């Protein structure tokens, strides 16, 4: 998204630590995913639940 973890955390109402955990693979709760989608839209980005919950290449090969 081109922003810091802290900026994203403020934008979706979680802690920077939460963002770090999500980036490392912790499941994003649906209510947080919804806020993330809305926040992405304010930045002019298109993001869907499928984008958030789609397995990564690494997870598919684990």
PDB file of N, CA and C in Angstrom:
ATOM      1  N   UNK A   1       0.820  -1.203   0.000  1.00  0.00           N
ATOM      2  CA  UNK A   1       0.000   0.000   0.000  1.00  0.00           C
ATOM      3  C   UNK A   1       0.862   1.265   0.000  1.00  0.00           C
ATOM      4  N   UNK A   2       2.142   1.089   0.274  1.00  0.00           N
ATOM      5  CA  UNK A   2       3.025   2.246   0.265  1.00  0.00           C
ATOM      6  C   UNK A   2       2.958   3.098   1.518  1.00  0.00           C
ATOM      7  N   UNK A   3       2.503   2.503   2.623  1.00  0.00           N
ATOM      8  CA  UNK A   3       2.438   3.222   3.900  1.00  0.00           C
ATOM      9  C   UNK A   3       3.114   2.372   4.970  1.00  0.00           C
ATOM     10  N   UNK A   4       3.397   2.989   6.109  1.00  0.00           N
ATOM     11  CA  UNK A   4       4.039   2.250   7.191  1.00  0.00           C
ATOM     12  C   UNK A   4       3.023   1.390   7.939  1.00  0.00           C
ATOM     13  N   UNK A   5       3.538   0.441   8.707  1.00  0.00           N
ATOM     14  CA  UNK A   5       2.668  -0.370   9.563  1.00  0.00           C
ATOM     15  C   UNK A   5       1.894   0.531  10.518  1.00  0.00           C
ATOM     16  N   UNK A   6       2.549   1.537  11.061  1.00  0.00           N
ATOM     17  CA  UNK A   6       1.886   2.443  12.006  1.00  0.00           C
ATOM     18  C   UNK A   6       0.750   3.202  11.345  1.00  0.00           C
ATOM     19  N   UNK A   7       0.975   3.686  10.119  1.00  0.00           N
ATOM     20  CA  UNK A   7      -0.078   4.412   9.403  1.00  0.00           C
ATOM     21  C   UNK A   7      -1.261   3.497   9.110  1.00  0.00           C
ATOM     22  N   UNK A   8      -0.971   2.264   8.703  1.00  0.00           N
ATOM     23  CA  UNK A   8      -2.037   1.307   8.435  1.00  0.00           C
ATOM     24  C   UNK A   8      -2.793   0.971   9.711  1.00  0.00           C
ATOM     25  N   UNK A   9      -2.063   0.763  10.795  1.00  0.00           N
ATOM     26  CA  UNK A   9      -2.702   0.446  12.077  1.00  0.00           C
ATOM     27  C   UNK A   9      -3.675   1.538  12.490  1.00  0.00           C
ATOM     28  N   UNK A  10      -3.237   2.788  12.390  1.00  0.00           N
ATOM     29  CA  UNK A  10      -4.122   3.912  12.732  1.00  0.00           C
ATOM     30  C   UNK A  10      -5.328   3.927  11.805  1.00  0.00           C
ATOM     31  N   UNK A  11      -5.093   3.684  10.525  1.00  0.00           N
ATOM     32  CA  UNK A  11      -6.165   3.732   9.528  1.00  0.00           C
ATOM     33  C   UNK A  11      -7.244   2.688   9.724  1.00  0.00           C
ATOM     34  N   UNK A  12      -6.875   1.528  10.291  1.00  0.00           N
ATOM     35  CA  UNK A  12      -7.894   0.477  10.460  1.00  0.00           C
ATOM     36  C   UNK A  12      -8.208   0.176  11.926  1.00  0.00           C
ATOM     37  N   UNK A  13      -7.606   0.926  12.833  1.00  0.00           N
ATOM     38  CA  UNK A  13      -7.982   0.813  14.244  1.00  0.00           C
ATOM     39  C   UNK A  13      -7.419  -0.397  14.971  1.00  0.00           C
ATOM     40  N   UNK A  14      -6.183  -0.773  14.645  1.00  0.00           N
ATOM     41  CA  UNK A  14      -5.506  -1.848  15.371  1.00  0.00           C
ATOM     42  C   UNK A  14      -4.126  -1.343  15.780  1.00  0.00           C
ATOM     43  N   UNK A  15      -3.361  -2.181  16.460  1.00  0.00           N
ATOM     44  CA  UNK A  15      -2.019  -1.770  16.854  1.00  0.00           C
ATOM     45  C   UNK A  15      -1.022  -2.104  15.737  1.00  0.00           C
ATOM     46  N   UNK A  16       0.124  -1.469  15.803  1.00  0.00           N
ATOM     47  CA  UNK A  16       1.197  -1.769  14.846  1.00  0.00           C
ATOM     48  C   UNK A  16       1.628  -3.223  15.013  1.00  0.00           C
ATOM     49  N   UNK A  17       1.603  -3.708  16.245  1.00  0.00           N
ATOM     50  CA  UNK A  17       1.926  -5.108  16.507  1.00  0.00           C
ATOM     51  C   UNK A  17       0.975  -6.057  15.793  1.00  0.00           C
ATOM     52  N   UNK A  18      -0.314  -5.702  15.751  1.00  0.00           N
ATOM     53  CA  UNK A  18      -1.276  -6.519  15.014  1.00  0.00           C
ATOM     54  C   UNK A  18      -0.897  -6.589  13.536  1.00  0.00           C
ATOM     55  N   UNK A  19      -0.541  -5.451  12.961  1.00  0.00           N
ATOM     56  CA  UNK A  19      -0.161  -5.420  11.546  1.00  0.00           C
ATOM     57  C   UNK A  19       1.024  -6.345  11.308  1.00  0.00           C
ATOM     58  N   UNK A  20       2.002  -6.285  12.193  1.00  0.00           N
ATOM     59  CA  UNK A  20       3.172  -7.149  12.074  1.00  0.00           C
ATOM     60  C   UNK A  20       2.762  -8.622  12.087  1.00  0.00           C
ATOM     61  N   UNK A  21       1.872  -8.989  12.986  1.00  0.00           N
ATOM     62  CA  UNK A  21       1.406 -10.376  13.065  1.00  0.00           C
ATOM     63  C   UNK A  21       0.672 -10.778  11.789  1.00  0.00           C
ATOM     64  N   UNK A  22      -0.174  -9.884  11.269  1.00  0.00           N
ATOM     65  CA  UNK A  22      -0.911 -10.197  10.038  1.00  0.00           C
ATOM     66  C   UNK A  22       0.056 -10.396   8.877  1.00  0.00           C
ATOM     67  N   UNK A  23       1.095  -9.568   8.806  1.00  0.00           N
ATOM     68  CA  UNK A  23       2.072  -9.698   7.728  1.00  0.00           C
ATOM     69  C   UNK A  23       2.855 -11.010   7.827  1.00  0.00           C
ATOM     70  N   UNK A  24       2.970 -11.539   9.028  1.00  0.00           N
ATOM     71  CA  UNK A  24       3.686 -12.805   9.230  1.00  0.00           C
ATOM     72  C   UNK A  24       2.786 -14.022   9.072  1.00  0.00           C
ATOM     73  N   UNK A  25       1.505 -13.803   8.765  1.00  0.00           N
ATOM     74  CA  UNK A  25       0.625 -14.922   8.479  1.00  0.00           C
ATOM     75  C   UNK A  25      -0.506 -15.169   9.439  1.00  0.00           C
ATOM     76  N   UNK A  26      -0.593 -14.401  10.534  1.00  0.00           N
ATOM     77  CA  UNK A  26      -1.723 -14.573  11.448  1.00  0.00           C
ATOM     78  C   UNK A  26      -3.001 -14.204  10.702  1.00  0.00           C
ATOM     79  N   UNK A  27      -4.055 -14.963  10.910  1.00  0.00           N
ATOM     80  CA  UNK A  27      -5.320 -14.701  10.243  1.00  0.00           C
ATOM     81  C   UNK A  27      -5.890 -13.345  10.637  1.00  0.00           C
ATOM     82  N   UNK A  28      -6.342 -12.622   9.629  1.00  0.00           N
ATOM     83  CA  UNK A  28      -6.972 -11.316   9.836  1.00  0.00           C
ATOM     84  C   UNK A  28      -8.449 -11.567  10.150  1.00  0.00           C
ATOM     85  N   UNK A  29      -8.931 -11.087  11.323  1.00  0.00           N
ATOM     86  CA  UNK A  29     -10.357 -11.267  11.641  1.00  0.00           C
ATOM     87  C   UNK A  29     -11.236 -10.574  10.592  1.00  0.00           C
ATOM     88  N   UNK A  30     -12.407 -11.139  10.293  1.00  0.00           N
ATOM     89  CA  UNK A  30     -13.275 -10.558   9.259  1.00  0.00           C
ATOM     90  C   UNK A  30     -13.597  -9.078   9.472  1.00  0.00           C
ATOM     91  N   UNK A  31     -13.802  -8.656  10.722  1.00  0.00           N
ATOM     92  CA  UNK A  31     -14.134  -7.246  10.954  1.00  0.00           C
ATOM     93  C   UNK A  31     -12.941  -6.342  10.641  1.00  0.00           C
ATOM     94  N   UNK A  32     -11.735  -6.832  10.862  1.00  0.00           N
ATOM     95  CA  UNK A  32     -10.527  -6.074  10.516  1.00  0.00           C
ATOM     96  C   UNK A  32     -10.353  -6.071   8.998  1.00  0.00           C
ATOM     97  N   UNK A  33     -10.628  -7.197   8.357  1.00  0.00           N
ATOM     98  CA  UNK A  33     -10.546  -7.270   6.898  1.00  0.00           C
ATOM     99  C   UNK A  33     -11.499  -6.255   6.260  1.00  0.00           C
ATOM    100  N   UNK A  34     -12.694  -6.133   6.800  1.00  0.00           N
ATOM    101  CA  UNK A  34     -13.663  -5.165   6.264  1.00  0.00           C
ATOM    102  C   UNK A  34     -13.132  -3.741   6.408  1.00  0.00           C
ATOM    103  N   UNK A  35     -12.518  -3.435   7.554  1.00  0.00           N
ATOM    104  CA  UNK A  35     -11.950  -2.091   7.743  1.00  0.00           C
ATOM    105  C   UNK A  35     -10.776  -1.869   6.795  1.00  0.00           C
ATOM    106  N   UNK A  36      -9.978  -2.914   6.559  1.00  0.00           N
ATOM    107  CA  UNK A  36      -8.850  -2.816   5.641  1.00  0.00           C
ATOM    108  C   UNK A  36      -9.326  -2.530   4.223  1.00  0.00           C
ATOM    109  N   UNK A  37     -10.378  -3.197   3.801  1.00  0.00           N
ATOM    110  CA  UNK A  37     -10.948  -2.957   2.472  1.00  0.00           C
ATOM    111  C   UNK A  37     -11.412  -1.511   2.348  1.00  0.00           C
ATOM    112  N   UNK A  38     -12.115  -1.021   3.359  1.00  0.00           N
ATOM    113  CA  UNK A  38     -12.575   0.365   3.343  1.00  0.00           C
ATOM    114  C   UNK A  38     -11.429   1.358   3.328  1.00  0.00           C
ATOM    115  N   UNK A  39     -10.392   1.075   4.110  1.00  0.00           N
ATOM    116  CA  UNK A  39      -9.233   1.956   4.157  1.00  0.00           C
ATOM    117  C   UNK A  39      -8.522   1.966   2.814  1.00  0.00           C
ATOM    118  N   UNK A  40      -8.370   0.808   2.202  1.00  0.00           N
ATOM    119  CA  UNK A  40      -7.728   0.729   0.886  1.00  0.00           C
ATOM    120  C   UNK A  40      -8.487   1.581  -0.128  1.00  0.00           C
ATOM    121  N   UNK A  41      -9.805   1.571  -0.046  1.00  0.00           N
ATOM    122  CA  UNK A  41     -10.613   2.376  -0.967  1.00  0.00           C
ATOM    123  C   UNK A  41     -10.333   3.863  -0.802  1.00  0.00           C
ATOM    124  N   UNK A  42     -10.066   4.305   0.440  1.00  0.00           N
ATOM    125  CA  UNK A  42      -9.765   5.728   0.645  1.00  0.00           C
ATOM    126  C   UNK A  42      -8.434   6.102   0.002  1.00  0.00           C
ATOM    127  N   UNK A  43      -7.582   5.108  -0.234  1.00  0.00           N
ATOM    128  CA  UNK A  43      -6.297   5.332  -0.904  1.00  0.00           C
ATOM    129  C   UNK A  43      -6.394   5.099  -2.409  1.00  0.00           C
ATOM    130  N   UNK A  44      -7.615   4.839  -2.894  1.00  0.00           N
ATOM    131  CA  UNK A  44      -7.822   4.610  -4.320  1.00  0.00           C
ATOM    132  C   UNK A  44      -7.444   3.217  -4.781  1.00  0.00           C
ATOM    133  N   UNK A  45      -7.377   2.283  -3.834  1.00  0.00           N
ATOM    134  CA  UNK A  45      -6.998   0.906  -4.159  1.00  0.00           C
ATOM    135  C   UNK A  45      -8.218  -0.002  -4.098  1.00  0.00           C
ATOM    136  N   UNK A  46      -8.197  -1.021  -4.917  1.00  0.00           N
ATOM    137  CA  UNK A  46      -9.252  -2.026  -4.905  1.00  0.00           C
ATOM    138  C   UNK A  46      -8.736  -3.250  -4.156  1.00  0.00           C
ATOM    139  N   UNK A  47      -9.440  -3.652  -3.121  1.00  0.00           N
ATOM    140  CA  UNK A  47      -9.064  -4.791  -2.305  1.00  0.00           C
ATOM    141  C   UNK A  47     -10.331  -5.547  -1.955  1.00  0.00           C
ATOM    142  N   UNK A  48     -10.274  -6.872  -1.996  1.00  0.00           N
ATOM    143  CA  UNK A  48     -11.445  -7.694  -1.691  1.00  0.00           C
ATOM    144  C   UNK A  48     -11.113  -8.701  -0.589  1.00  0.00           C
ATOM    145  N   UNK A  49     -12.134  -9.344  -0.058  1.00  0.00           N
ATOM    146  CA  UNK A  49     -11.914 -10.402   0.923  1.00  0.00           C
ATOM    147  C   UNK A  49     -11.069 -11.514   0.304  1.00  0.00           C
ATOM    148  N   UNK A  50     -11.283 -11.808  -0.985  1.00  0.00           N
ATOM    149  CA  UNK A  50     -10.476 -12.829  -1.646  1.00  0.00           C
ATOM    150  C   UNK A  50      -9.001 -12.453  -1.642  1.00  0.00           C
ATOM    151  N   UNK A  51      -8.689 -11.182  -1.838  1.00  0.00           N
ATOM    152  CA  UNK A  51      -7.292 -10.741  -1.806  1.00  0.00           C
ATOM    153  C   UNK A  51      -6.676 -10.984  -0.433  1.00  0.00           C
ATOM    154  N   UNK A  52      -7.446 -10.762   0.608  1.00  0.00           N
ATOM    155  CA  UNK A  52      -6.941 -10.897   1.976  1.00  0.00           C
ATOM    156  C   UNK A  52      -6.792 -12.354   2.382  1.00  0.00           C
ATOM    157  N   UNK A  53      -7.755 -13.174   1.994  1.00  0.00           N
ATOM    158  CA  UNK A  53      -7.776 -14.556   2.463  1.00  0.00           C
ATOM    159  C   UNK A  53      -7.234 -15.573   1.464  1.00  0.00           C
ATOM    160  N   UNK A  54      -6.841 -15.151   0.272  1.00  0.00           N
ATOM    161  CA  UNK A  54      -6.267 -16.067  -0.711  1.00  0.00           C
ATOM    162  C   UNK A  54      -4.934 -16.589  -0.189  1.00  0.00           C
ATOM    163  N   UNK A  55      -4.718 -17.899  -0.244  1.00  0.00           N
ATOM    164  CA  UNK A  55      -3.442 -18.439   0.237  1.00  0.00           C
ATOM    165  C   UNK A  55      -2.276 -17.887  -0.587  1.00  0.00           C
ATOM    166  N   UNK A  56      -1.167 -17.662   0.082  1.00  0.00           N
ATOM    167  CA  UNK A  56       0.035 -17.221  -0.611  1.00  0.00           C
ATOM    168  C   UNK A  56       0.712 -18.429  -1.240  1.00  0.00           C
ATOM    169  N   UNK A  57       1.629 -18.172  -2.141  1.00  0.00           N
ATOM    170  CA  UNK A  57       2.383 -19.277  -2.757  1.00  0.00           C
ATOM    171  C   UNK A  57       3.109 -20.097  -1.703  1.00  0.00           C
ATOM    172  N   UNK A  58       3.675 -19.419  -0.686  1.00  0.00           N
ATOM    173  CA  UNK A  58       4.387 -20.130   0.374  1.00  0.00           C
ATOM    174  C   UNK A  58       3.453 -21.049   1.143  1.00  0.00           C
ATOM    175  N   UNK A  59       2.256 -20.578   1.459  1.00  0.00           N
ATOM    176  CA  UNK A  59       1.298 -21.375   2.229  1.00  0.00           C
ATOM    177  C   UNK A  59       0.816 -22.568   1.421  1.00  0.00           C
ATOM    178  N   UNK A  60       0.704 -22.405   0.097  1.00  0.00           N
ATOM    179  CA  UNK A  60       0.245 -23.501  -0.735  1.00  0.00           C
ATOM    180  C   UNK A  60       1.261 -24.634  -0.790  1.00  0.00           C
ATOM    181  N   UNK A  61       2.544 -24.298  -0.602  1.00  0.00           N
ATOM    182  CA  UNK A  61       3.599 -25.310  -0.678  1.00  0.00           C
ATOM    183  C   UNK A  61       4.055 -25.818   0.690  1.00  0.00           C
ATOM    184  N   UNK A  62       3.423 -25.365   1.744  1.00  0.00           N
ATOM    185  CA  UNK A  62       3.835 -25.772   3.099  1.00  0.00           C
ATOM    186  C   UNK A  62       3.295 -27.141   3.443  1.00  0.00           C
TER     187      UNK A  62
END
